[in-house]
Amino acid sequence: MRPFLTSSLPDTQGHVAHVTYQLAGFDRLNFVSDITSTVPQDGSYTIRAIYFEGDGVQATGLLTVQMREEQRAQGFLVNRLKSIQGMVSVREVQ
């Protein structure tokens, strides 16, 4: 039997999407922590994967978040990520 992904989000408001963002910013203390705390903790968004590397100057990584399609289209999370101190770029990966 093959495992399958089930959504913890109610499907009553649209289809669920897994969106991956490529992030880059200045490497600083708590940078990744600030990113994870920017994702709303109200159950409408779920962090599915996170990966970051830092070299003391720049931090780059990927963040995958589960959300509903209409939330993705609104761009709410992108705007919140861009407002993090030291964030240089936020780009959705196709």
PDB file of N, CA and C in Angstrom:
ATOM      1  N   MET A   1       0.846  -1.177   0.000  1.00  0.00           N
ATOM      2  CA  MET A   1       0.000   0.000   0.000  1.00  0.00           C
ATOM      3  C   MET A   1       0.891   1.239   0.000  1.00  0.00           C
ATOM      4  N   ARG A   2       0.602   2.191  -0.880  1.00  0.00           N
ATOM      5  CA  ARG A   2       1.389   3.407  -0.969  1.00  0.00           C
ATOM      6  C   ARG A   2       0.839   4.453  -0.014  1.00  0.00           C
ATOM      7  N   PRO A   3       1.722   5.182   0.683  1.00  0.00           N
ATOM      8  CA  PRO A   3       1.244   6.248   1.565  1.00  0.00           C
ATOM      9  C   PRO A   3       0.694   7.410   0.744  1.00  0.00           C
ATOM     10  N   PHE A   4      -0.188   8.171   1.323  1.00  0.00           N
ATOM     11  CA  PHE A   4      -0.731   9.329   0.632  1.00  0.00           C
ATOM     12  C   PHE A   4      -0.823  10.485   1.604  1.00  0.00           C
ATOM     13  N   LEU A   5      -0.808  11.698   1.061  1.00  0.00           N
ATOM     14  CA  LEU A   5      -0.863  12.905   1.861  1.00  0.00           C
ATOM     15  C   LEU A   5      -2.311  13.297   2.084  1.00  0.00           C
ATOM     16  N   THR A   6      -2.663  13.487   3.323  1.00  0.00           N
ATOM     17  CA  THR A   6      -3.992  13.983   3.627  1.00  0.00           C
ATOM     18  C   THR A   6      -3.866  15.409   4.129  1.00  0.00           C
ATOM     19  N   SER A   7      -4.833  16.190   3.855  1.00  0.00           N
ATOM     20  CA  SER A   7      -4.817  17.594   4.242  1.00  0.00           C
ATOM     21  C   SER A   7      -5.421  17.767   5.622  1.00  0.00           C
ATOM     22  N   SER A   8      -4.773  18.621   6.423  1.00  0.00           N
ATOM     23  CA  SER A   8      -5.341  18.963   7.716  1.00  0.00           C
ATOM     24  C   SER A   8      -6.246  20.187   7.593  1.00  0.00           C
ATOM     25  N   LEU A   9      -6.300  20.780   6.399  1.00  0.00           N
ATOM     26  CA  LEU A   9      -7.149  21.937   6.171  1.00  0.00           C
ATOM     27  C   LEU A   9      -8.511  21.478   5.684  1.00  0.00           C
ATOM     28  N   PRO A  10      -9.572  22.106   6.181  1.00  0.00           N
ATOM     29  CA  PRO A  10     -10.891  21.740   5.677  1.00  0.00           C
ATOM     30  C   PRO A  10     -11.007  22.094   4.203  1.00  0.00           C
ATOM     31  N   ASP A  11     -11.556  21.187   3.416  1.00  0.00           N
ATOM     32  CA  ASP A  11     -11.664  21.391   1.978  1.00  0.00           C
ATOM     33  C   ASP A  11     -12.971  22.078   1.602  1.00  0.00           C
ATOM     34  N   THR A  12     -13.644  22.667   2.559  1.00  0.00           N
ATOM     35  CA  THR A  12     -14.919  23.310   2.287  1.00  0.00           C
ATOM     36  C   THR A  12     -14.750  24.640   1.572  1.00  0.00           C
ATOM     37  N   GLN A  13     -13.526  25.208   1.568  1.00  0.00           N
ATOM     38  CA  GLN A  13     -13.319  26.531   1.001  1.00  0.00           C
ATOM     39  C   GLN A  13     -12.433  26.506  -0.230  1.00  0.00           C
ATOM     40  N   GLY A  14     -12.226  25.376  -0.843  1.00  0.00           N
ATOM     41  CA  GLY A  14     -11.428  25.327  -2.055  1.00  0.00           C
ATOM     42  C   GLY A  14     -10.372  24.253  -1.993  1.00  0.00           C
ATOM     43  N   HIS A  15      -9.604  24.171  -3.067  1.00  0.00           N
ATOM     44  CA  HIS A  15      -8.574  23.155  -3.175  1.00  0.00           C
ATOM     45  C   HIS A  15      -7.332  23.541  -2.392  1.00  0.00           C
ATOM     46  N   VAL A  16      -6.666  22.534  -1.875  1.00  0.00           N
ATOM     47  CA  VAL A  16      -5.455  22.744  -1.087  1.00  0.00           C
ATOM     48  C   VAL A  16      -4.247  22.752  -2.014  1.00  0.00           C
ATOM     49  N   ALA A  17      -3.322  23.668  -1.751  1.00  0.00           N
ATOM     50  CA  ALA A  17      -2.102  23.783  -2.546  1.00  0.00           C
ATOM     51  C   ALA A  17      -0.896  23.669  -1.626  1.00  0.00           C
ATOM     52  N   HIS A  18       0.164  23.077  -2.143  1.00  0.00           N
ATOM     53  CA  HIS A  18       1.460  23.062  -1.472  1.00  0.00           C
ATOM     54  C   HIS A  18       2.344  24.020  -2.262  1.00  0.00           C
ATOM     55  N   VAL A  19       2.685  25.132  -1.649  1.00  0.00           N
ATOM     56  CA  VAL A  19       3.417  26.199  -2.335  1.00  0.00           C
ATOM     57  C   VAL A  19       4.822  26.280  -1.746  1.00  0.00           C
ATOM     58  N   THR A  20       5.832  26.287  -2.633  1.00  0.00           N
ATOM     59  CA  THR A  20       7.215  26.398  -2.193  1.00  0.00           C
ATOM     60  C   THR A  20       7.746  27.774  -2.578  1.00  0.00           C
ATOM     61  N   TYR A  21       8.368  28.419  -1.600  1.00  0.00           N
ATOM     62  CA  TYR A  21       8.968  29.736  -1.796  1.00  0.00           C
ATOM     63  C   TYR A  21      10.476  29.624  -1.670  1.00  0.00           C
ATOM     64  N   GLN A  22      11.186  30.304  -2.554  1.00  0.00           N
ATOM     65  CA  GLN A  22      12.632  30.423  -2.440  1.00  0.00           C
ATOM     66  C   GLN A  22      12.886  31.771  -1.765  1.00  0.00           C
ATOM     67  N   LEU A  23      13.593  31.729  -0.637  1.00  0.00           N
ATOM     68  CA  LEU A  23      13.816  32.922   0.169  1.00  0.00           C
ATOM     69  C   LEU A  23      15.305  33.219   0.258  1.00  0.00           C
ATOM     70  N   ALA A  24      15.641  34.497   0.291  1.00  0.00           N
ATOM     71  CA  ALA A  24      17.021  34.914   0.482  1.00  0.00           C
ATOM     72  C   ALA A  24      17.031  36.167   1.342  1.00  0.00           C
ATOM     73  N   GLY A  25      17.991  36.216   2.237  1.00  0.00           N
ATOM     74  CA  GLY A  25      18.099  37.383   3.101  1.00  0.00           C
ATOM     75  C   GLY A  25      19.454  37.419   3.771  1.00  0.00           C
ATOM     76  N   PHE A  26      19.633  38.422   4.627  1.00  0.00           N
ATOM     77  CA  PHE A  26      20.883  38.553   5.374  1.00  0.00           C
ATOM     78  C   PHE A  26      20.900  37.541   6.514  1.00  0.00           C
ATOM     79  N   ASP A  27      21.997  36.806   6.617  1.00  0.00           N
ATOM     80  CA  ASP A  27      22.155  35.808   7.670  1.00  0.00           C
ATOM     81  C   ASP A  27      22.298  36.535   9.000  1.00  0.00           C
ATOM     82  N   ARG A  28      21.362  36.281   9.893  1.00  0.00           N
ATOM     83  CA  ARG A  28      21.393  36.909  11.213  1.00  0.00           C
ATOM     84  C   ARG A  28      20.745  35.966  12.213  1.00  0.00           C
ATOM     85  N   LEU A  29      20.969  36.241  13.473  1.00  0.00           N
ATOM     86  CA  LEU A  29      20.387  35.457  14.550  1.00  0.00           C
ATOM     87  C   LEU A  29      18.861  35.502  14.448  1.00  0.00           C
ATOM     88  N   ASN A  30      18.215  34.359  14.536  1.00  0.00           N
ATOM     89  CA  ASN A  30      16.751  34.205  14.516  1.00  0.00           C
ATOM     90  C   ASN A  30      16.089  34.485  13.169  1.00  0.00           C
ATOM     91  N   PHE A  31      16.844  34.536  12.092  1.00  0.00           N
ATOM     92  CA  PHE A  31      16.251  34.785  10.774  1.00  0.00           C
ATOM     93  C   PHE A  31      15.237  33.698  10.424  1.00  0.00           C
ATOM     94  N   VAL A  32      15.612  32.444  10.555  1.00  0.00           N
ATOM     95  CA  VAL A  32      14.705  31.338  10.206  1.00  0.00           C
ATOM     96  C   VAL A  32      13.548  31.273  11.191  1.00  0.00           C
ATOM     97  N   SER A  33      13.816  31.541  12.446  1.00  0.00           N
ATOM     98  CA  SER A  33      12.752  31.577  13.452  1.00  0.00           C
ATOM     99  C   SER A  33      11.715  32.651  13.118  1.00  0.00           C
ATOM    100  N   ASP A  34      12.177  33.803  12.654  1.00  0.00           N
ATOM    101  CA  ASP A  34      11.251  34.863  12.256  1.00  0.00           C
ATOM    102  C   ASP A  34      10.401  34.433  11.061  1.00  0.00           C
ATOM    103  N   ILE A  35      10.988  33.674  10.156  1.00  0.00           N
ATOM    104  CA  ILE A  35      10.241  33.171   8.998  1.00  0.00           C
ATOM    105  C   ILE A  35       9.132  32.228   9.451  1.00  0.00           C
ATOM    106  N   THR A  36       9.475  31.279  10.309  1.00  0.00           N
ATOM    107  CA  THR A  36       8.454  30.311  10.743  1.00  0.00           C
ATOM    108  C   THR A  36       7.363  30.974  11.573  1.00  0.00           C
ATOM    109  N   SER A  37       7.710  31.984  12.352  1.00  0.00           N
ATOM    110  CA  SER A  37       6.682  32.653  13.159  1.00  0.00           C
ATOM    111  C   SER A  37       5.818  33.591  12.327  1.00  0.00           C
ATOM    112  N   THR A  38       6.256  33.925  11.119  1.00  0.00           N
ATOM    113  CA  THR A  38       5.465  34.763  10.216  1.00  0.00           C
ATOM    114  C   THR A  38       4.319  33.980   9.588  1.00  0.00           C
ATOM    115  N   VAL A  39       4.484  32.674   9.454  1.00  0.00           N
ATOM    116  CA  VAL A  39       3.412  31.834   8.911  1.00  0.00           C
ATOM    117  C   VAL A  39       2.311  31.755   9.971  1.00  0.00           C
ATOM    118  N   PRO A  40       1.084  32.183   9.643  1.00  0.00           N
ATOM    119  CA  PRO A  40      -0.004  32.186  10.631  1.00  0.00           C
ATOM    120  C   PRO A  40      -0.188  30.829  11.300  1.00  0.00           C
ATOM    121  N   GLN A  41      -0.420  30.863  12.594  1.00  0.00           N
ATOM    122  CA  GLN A  41      -0.581  29.646  13.386  1.00  0.00           C
ATOM    123  C   GLN A  41      -2.048  29.326  13.659  1.00  0.00           C
ATOM    124  N   ASP A  42      -2.938  29.821  12.813  1.00  0.00           N
ATOM    125  CA  ASP A  42      -4.368  29.648  13.038  1.00  0.00           C
ATOM    126  C   ASP A  42      -4.954  28.395  12.385  1.00  0.00           C
ATOM    127  N   GLY A  43      -4.105  27.567  11.796  1.00  0.00           N
ATOM    128  CA  GLY A  43      -4.578  26.333  11.176  1.00  0.00           C
ATOM    129  C   GLY A  43      -4.881  26.465   9.697  1.00  0.00           C
ATOM    130  N   SER A  44      -4.902  27.673   9.173  1.00  0.00           N
ATOM    131  CA  SER A  44      -5.186  27.839   7.747  1.00  0.00           C
ATOM    132  C   SER A  44      -3.933  27.677   6.891  1.00  0.00           C
ATOM    133  N   TYR A  45      -2.760  27.739   7.501  1.00  0.00           N
ATOM    134  CA  TYR A  45      -1.483  27.522   6.834  1.00  0.00           C
ATOM    135  C   TYR A  45      -0.722  26.472   7.643  1.00  0.00           C
ATOM    136  N   THR A  46      -0.027  25.577   6.941  1.00  0.00           N
ATOM    137  CA  THR A  46       0.775  24.560   7.611  1.00  0.00           C
ATOM    138  C   THR A  46       2.135  24.478   6.936  1.00  0.00           C
ATOM    139  N   ILE A  47       3.194  24.612   7.718  1.00  0.00           N
ATOM    140  CA  ILE A  47       4.540  24.453   7.165  1.00  0.00           C
ATOM    141  C   ILE A  47       4.760  22.966   6.915  1.00  0.00           C
ATOM    142  N   ARG A  48       5.072  22.613   5.669  1.00  0.00           N
ATOM    143  CA  ARG A  48       5.309  21.219   5.296  1.00  0.00           C
ATOM    144  C   ARG A  48       6.785  20.889   5.200  1.00  0.00           C
ATOM    145  N   ALA A  49       7.614  21.866   4.842  1.00  0.00           N
ATOM    146  CA  ALA A  49       9.061  21.626   4.741  1.00  0.00           C
ATOM    147  C   ALA A  49       9.776  22.961   4.829  1.00  0.00           C
ATOM    148  N   ILE A  50      10.978  22.915   5.397  1.00  0.00           N
ATOM    149  CA  ILE A  50      11.800  24.115   5.470  1.00  0.00           C
ATOM    150  C   ILE A  50      13.259  23.683   5.408  1.00  0.00           C
ATOM    151  N   TYR A  51      14.045  24.419   4.634  1.00  0.00           N
ATOM    152  CA  TYR A  51      15.465  24.118   4.482  1.00  0.00           C
ATOM    153  C   TYR A  51      16.192  25.437   4.278  1.00  0.00           C
ATOM    154  N   PHE A  52      17.235  25.684   5.077  1.00  0.00           N
ATOM    155  CA  PHE A  52      18.016  26.910   4.950  1.00  0.00           C
ATOM    156  C   PHE A  52      19.491  26.624   5.116  1.00  0.00           C
ATOM    157  N   GLU A  53      20.297  27.444   4.440  1.00  0.00           N
ATOM    158  CA  GLU A  53      21.751  27.452   4.597  1.00  0.00           C
ATOM    159  C   GLU A  53      22.174  28.891   4.787  1.00  0.00           C
ATOM    160  N   GLY A  54      23.165  29.092   5.626  1.00  0.00           N
ATOM    161  CA  GLY A  54      23.703  30.421   5.835  1.00  0.00           C
ATOM    162  C   GLY A  54      25.220  30.364   5.802  1.00  0.00           C
ATOM    163  N   ASP A  55      25.836  31.458   5.353  1.00  0.00           N
ATOM    164  CA  ASP A  55      27.299  31.505   5.292  1.00  0.00           C
ATOM    165  C   ASP A  55      27.870  32.635   6.140  1.00  0.00           C
ATOM    166  N   GLY A  56      27.048  33.206   7.020  1.00  0.00           N
ATOM    167  CA  GLY A  56      27.484  34.316   7.843  1.00  0.00           C
ATOM    168  C   GLY A  56      27.141  35.662   7.241  1.00  0.00           C
ATOM    169  N   VAL A  57      26.859  35.678   5.949  1.00  0.00           N
ATOM    170  CA  VAL A  57      26.483  36.915   5.267  1.00  0.00           C
ATOM    171  C   VAL A  57      25.075  36.786   4.689  1.00  0.00           C
ATOM    172  N   GLN A  58      24.847  35.713   3.943  1.00  0.00           N
ATOM    173  CA  GLN A  58      23.563  35.504   3.284  1.00  0.00           C
ATOM    174  C   GLN A  58      22.956  34.183   3.747  1.00  0.00           C
ATOM    175  N   ALA A  59      21.634  34.174   3.881  1.00  0.00           N
ATOM    176  CA  ALA A  59      20.893  32.947   4.181  1.00  0.00           C
ATOM    177  C   ALA A  59      19.925  32.709   3.027  1.00  0.00           C
ATOM    178  N   THR A  60      19.919  31.496   2.509  1.00  0.00           N
ATOM    179  CA  THR A  60      19.010  31.137   1.428  1.00  0.00           C
ATOM    180  C   THR A  60      18.324  29.832   1.777  1.00  0.00           C
ATOM    181  N   GLY A  61      17.117  29.671   1.278  1.00  0.00           N
ATOM    182  CA  GLY A  61      16.434  28.429   1.574  1.00  0.00           C
ATOM    183  C   GLY A  61      15.097  28.305   0.882  1.00  0.00           C
ATOM    184  N   LEU A  62      14.425  27.222   1.223  1.00  0.00           N
ATOM    185  CA  LEU A  62      13.114  26.893   0.673  1.00  0.00           C
ATOM    186  C   LEU A  62      12.129  26.693   1.811  1.00  0.00           C
ATOM    187  N   LEU A  63      10.923  27.169   1.606  1.00  0.00           N
ATOM    188  CA  LEU A  63       9.837  27.020   2.561  1.00  0.00           C
ATOM    189  C   LEU A  63       8.626  26.505   1.800  1.00  0.00           C
ATOM    190  N   THR A  64       8.101  25.358   2.206  1.00  0.00           N
ATOM    191  CA  THR A  64       6.895  24.806   1.589  1.00  0.00           C
ATOM    192  C   THR A  64       5.752  24.907   2.581  1.00  0.00           C
ATOM    193  N   VAL A  65       4.664  25.520   2.134  1.00  0.00           N
ATOM    194  CA  VAL A  65       3.513  25.771   2.997  1.00  0.00           C
ATOM    195  C   VAL A  65       2.261  25.220   2.331  1.00  0.00           C
ATOM    196  N   GLN A  66       1.431  24.572   3.123  1.00  0.00           N
ATOM    197  CA  GLN A  66       0.134  24.083   2.656  1.00  0.00           C
ATOM    198  C   GLN A  66      -0.910  25.143   2.974  1.00  0.00           C
ATOM    199  N   MET A  67      -1.704  25.496   1.968  1.00  0.00           N
ATOM    200  CA  MET A  67      -2.755  26.501   2.135  1.00  0.00           C
ATOM    201  C   MET A  67      -3.829  26.264   1.083  1.00  0.00           C
ATOM    202  N   ARG A  68      -4.919  26.982   1.184  1.00  0.00           N
ATOM    203  CA  ARG A  68      -5.956  26.891   0.160  1.00  0.00           C
ATOM    204  C   ARG A  68      -5.569  27.762  -1.027  1.00  0.00           C
ATOM    205  N   GLU A  69      -6.027  27.383  -2.211  1.00  0.00           N
ATOM    206  CA  GLU A  69      -5.700  28.100  -3.448  1.00  0.00           C
ATOM    207  C   GLU A  69      -6.051  29.586  -3.372  1.00  0.00           C
ATOM    208  N   GLU A  70      -7.191  29.917  -2.786  1.00  0.00           N
ATOM    209  CA  GLU A  70      -7.566  31.331  -2.733  1.00  0.00           C
ATOM    210  C   GLU A  70      -6.643  32.130  -1.827  1.00  0.00           C
ATOM    211  N   GLN A  71      -6.067  31.491  -0.807  1.00  0.00           N
ATOM    212  CA  GLN A  71      -5.088  32.175   0.041  1.00  0.00           C
ATOM    213  C   GLN A  71      -3.806  32.447  -0.747  1.00  0.00           C
ATOM    214  N   ARG A  72      -3.447  31.502  -1.575  1.00  0.00           N
ATOM    215  CA  ARG A  72      -2.269  31.659  -2.426  1.00  0.00           C
ATOM    216  C   ARG A  72      -2.447  32.847  -3.368  1.00  0.00           C
ATOM    217  N   ALA A  73      -3.612  32.946  -3.973  1.00  0.00           N
ATOM    218  CA  ALA A  73      -3.889  34.012  -4.930  1.00  0.00           C
ATOM    219  C   ALA A  73      -3.896  35.389  -4.272  1.00  0.00           C
ATOM    220  N   GLN A  74      -4.288  35.455  -3.009  1.00  0.00           N
ATOM    221  CA  GLN A  74      -4.348  36.738  -2.302  1.00  0.00           C
ATOM    222  C   GLN A  74      -2.965  37.310  -2.006  1.00  0.00           C
ATOM    223  N   GLY A  75      -1.946  36.456  -1.914  1.00  0.00           N
ATOM    224  CA  GLY A  75      -0.591  36.929  -1.677  1.00  0.00           C
ATOM    225  C   GLY A  75      -0.306  37.382  -0.256  1.00  0.00           C
ATOM    226  N   PHE A  76      -1.167  37.055   0.679  1.00  0.00           N
ATOM    227  CA  PHE A  76      -1.010  37.471   2.077  1.00  0.00           C
ATOM    228  C   PHE A  76       0.315  37.001   2.660  1.00  0.00           C
ATOM    229  N   LEU A  77       0.638  35.733   2.477  1.00  0.00           N
ATOM    230  CA  LEU A  77       1.856  35.186   3.056  1.00  0.00           C
ATOM    231  C   LEU A  77       3.103  35.794   2.424  1.00  0.00           C
ATOM    232  N   VAL A  78       3.092  36.003   1.134  1.00  0.00           N
ATOM    233  CA  VAL A  78       4.240  36.614   0.453  1.00  0.00           C
ATOM    234  C   VAL A  78       4.518  37.995   1.037  1.00  0.00           C
ATOM    235  N   ASN A  79       3.483  38.778   1.240  1.00  0.00           N
ATOM    236  CA  ASN A  79       3.651  40.116   1.815  1.00  0.00           C
ATOM    237  C   ASN A  79       4.217  40.053   3.227  1.00  0.00           C
ATOM    238  N   ARG A  80       3.768  39.090   4.000  1.00  0.00           N
ATOM    239  CA  ARG A  80       4.297  38.943   5.365  1.00  0.00           C
ATOM    240  C   ARG A  80       5.765  38.529   5.332  1.00  0.00           C
ATOM    241  N   LEU A  81       6.114  37.599   4.435  1.00  0.00           N
ATOM    242  CA  LEU A  81       7.506  37.162   4.335  1.00  0.00           C
ATOM    243  C   LEU A  81       8.416  38.310   3.903  1.00  0.00           C
ATOM    244  N   LYS A  82       7.953  39.128   2.964  1.00  0.00           N
ATOM    245  CA  LYS A  82       8.753  40.258   2.491  1.00  0.00           C
ATOM    246  C   LYS A  82       9.005  41.294   3.578  1.00  0.00           C
ATOM    247  N   SER A  83       8.144  41.340   4.572  1.00  0.00           N
ATOM    248  CA  SER A  83       8.284  42.338   5.635  1.00  0.00           C
ATOM    249  C   SER A  83       9.261  41.927   6.739  1.00  0.00           C
ATOM    250  N   ILE A  84       9.816  40.719   6.668  1.00  0.00           N
ATOM    251  CA  ILE A  84      10.765  40.253   7.686  1.00  0.00           C
ATOM    252  C   ILE A  84      12.064  41.046   7.571  1.00  0.00           C
ATOM    253  N   GLN A  85      12.588  41.445   8.707  1.00  0.00           N
ATOM    254  CA  GLN A  85      13.842  42.192   8.740  1.00  0.00           C
ATOM    255  C   GLN A  85      14.955  41.396   8.071  1.00  0.00           C
ATOM    256  N   GLY A  86      15.628  42.006   7.109  1.00  0.00           N
ATOM    257  CA  GLY A  86      16.739  41.371   6.422  1.00  0.00           C
ATOM    258  C   GLY A  86      16.365  40.531   5.214  1.00  0.00           C
ATOM    259  N   MET A  87      15.059  40.394   4.935  1.00  0.00           N
ATOM    260  CA  MET A  87      14.638  39.613   3.765  1.00  0.00           C
ATOM    261  C   MET A  87      14.969  40.391   2.500  1.00  0.00           C
ATOM    262  N   VAL A  88      15.594  39.714   1.555  1.00  0.00           N
ATOM    263  CA  VAL A  88      15.980  40.354   0.292  1.00  0.00           C
ATOM    264  C   VAL A  88      15.042  39.947  -0.837  1.00  0.00           C
ATOM    265  N   SER A  89      14.705  38.651  -0.925  1.00  0.00           N
ATOM    266  CA  SER A  89      13.809  38.222  -2.001  1.00  0.00           C
ATOM    267  C   SER A  89      12.936  37.062  -1.562  1.00  0.00           C
ATOM    268  N   VAL A  90      11.724  37.064  -2.101  1.00  0.00           N
ATOM    269  CA  VAL A  90      10.742  35.996  -1.888  1.00  0.00           C
ATOM    270  C   VAL A  90      10.209  35.670  -3.263  1.00  0.00           C
ATOM    271  N   ARG A  91      10.378  34.402  -3.679  1.00  0.00           N
ATOM    272  CA  ARG A  91       9.939  34.006  -5.015  1.00  0.00           C
ATOM    273  C   ARG A  91       9.264  32.648  -4.924  1.00  0.00           C
ATOM    274  N   GLU A  92       8.092  32.540  -5.547  1.00  0.00           N
ATOM    275  CA  GLU A  92       7.399  31.257  -5.586  1.00  0.00           C
ATOM    276  C   GLU A  92       8.075  30.361  -6.617  1.00  0.00           C
ATOM    277  N   VAL A  93       8.362  29.130  -6.213  1.00  0.00           N
ATOM    278  CA  VAL A  93       9.000  28.152  -7.092  1.00  0.00           C
ATOM    279  C   VAL A  93       7.902  27.334  -7.731  1.00  0.00           C
ATOM    280  N   GLN A  94       7.971  27.164  -9.048  1.00  0.00           N
ATOM    281  CA  GLN A  94       6.948  26.416  -9.772  1.00  0.00           C
ATOM    282  C   GLN A  94       7.183  24.956  -9.688  1.00  0.00           C
TER     283      GLN A  94
END
